[in-house]
């Protein structure tokens, strides 16, 4: 299973879902689904924008759990 650490990263930076959605110019629902780990898929461009916005790597954002 793939775990998304977006909520942890946003919490550390005290960011709201709306702040991130506006900051990377994607729909709020996309960020909400990732935040609550309910997303079924994610586009590479969204991953890239999130990593740039949060100044993190893909490994910080996503991790594989057994």
Protein backbone atom coordinates (compact mmCIF):
# COMPACT_ATOMS: atom_id res chain seq x y z
CA UNK A 1 0.00 0.00 0.00
CA UNK A 2 1.19 3.52 -0.78
CA UNK A 3 0.87 6.07 2.03
CA UNK A 4 0.61 9.79 1.32
CA UNK A 5 2.28 12.03 3.90
CA UNK A 6 0.70 15.24 2.62
CA UNK A 7 -1.24 15.88 5.84
CA UNK A 8 1.94 15.53 7.91
CA UNK A 9 3.93 17.83 5.63
CA UNK A 10 1.15 20.41 5.57
CA UNK A 11 0.73 20.25 9.34
CA UNK A 12 4.42 20.90 9.92
CA UNK A 13 4.14 24.01 7.75
CA UNK A 14 0.72 25.02 9.13
CA UNK A 15 -0.83 25.01 5.66
CA UNK A 16 -4.50 24.59 4.82
CA UNK A 17 -5.85 22.58 1.91
CA UNK A 18 -7.02 25.79 0.21
CA UNK A 19 -3.53 27.34 0.57
CA UNK A 20 -1.89 24.42 -1.19
CA UNK A 21 -4.57 24.19 -3.89
CA UNK A 22 -4.18 27.90 -4.69
CA UNK A 23 -0.40 27.73 -4.43
CA UNK A 24 -0.01 24.99 -7.02
CA UNK A 25 -3.10 25.86 -9.08
CA UNK A 26 -4.97 22.54 -8.83
CA UNK A 27 -8.54 21.82 -7.81
CA UNK A 28 -9.16 21.73 -4.07
CA UNK A 29 -10.71 18.24 -4.33
CA UNK A 30 -7.40 16.86 -5.63
CA UNK A 31 -5.58 18.08 -2.52
CA UNK A 32 -8.42 16.96 -0.23
CA UNK A 33 -8.30 13.40 -1.58
CA UNK A 34 -4.53 13.24 -1.12
CA UNK A 35 -4.72 14.83 2.34
CA UNK A 36 -7.22 12.22 3.55
CA UNK A 37 -5.44 9.40 1.66
CA UNK A 38 -8.49 8.57 -0.44
CA UNK A 39 -7.00 9.32 -3.86
CA UNK A 40 -7.05 6.44 -6.34
CA UNK A 41 -4.51 8.05 -8.66
CA UNK A 42 -2.31 11.11 -8.91
CA UNK A 43 -0.92 12.86 -11.98
CA UNK A 44 2.83 13.35 -12.30
CA UNK A 45 2.42 17.09 -12.79
CA UNK A 46 0.53 17.35 -9.47
CA UNK A 47 3.30 15.39 -7.74
CA UNK A 48 5.90 17.71 -9.22
CA UNK A 49 3.99 20.83 -8.19
CA UNK A 50 3.49 19.52 -4.64
CA UNK A 51 7.16 18.67 -4.26
CA UNK A 52 8.22 22.12 -5.48
CA UNK A 53 5.64 23.90 -3.31
CA UNK A 54 6.53 21.94 -0.16
CA UNK A 55 10.25 21.81 -0.98
CA UNK A 56 10.37 18.04 -0.53
CA UNK A 57 11.12 14.93 -2.53
CA UNK A 58 8.64 12.35 -3.80
CA UNK A 59 9.98 10.00 -1.12
CA UNK A 60 8.95 12.50 1.56
CA UNK A 61 5.47 12.76 0.08
CA UNK A 62 4.80 9.10 -0.72
CA UNK A 63 5.98 5.91 0.95
CA UNK A 64 5.32 2.21 0.52
CA UNK A 65 3.89 0.32 3.49
CA UNK A 66 3.66 -3.44 3.78
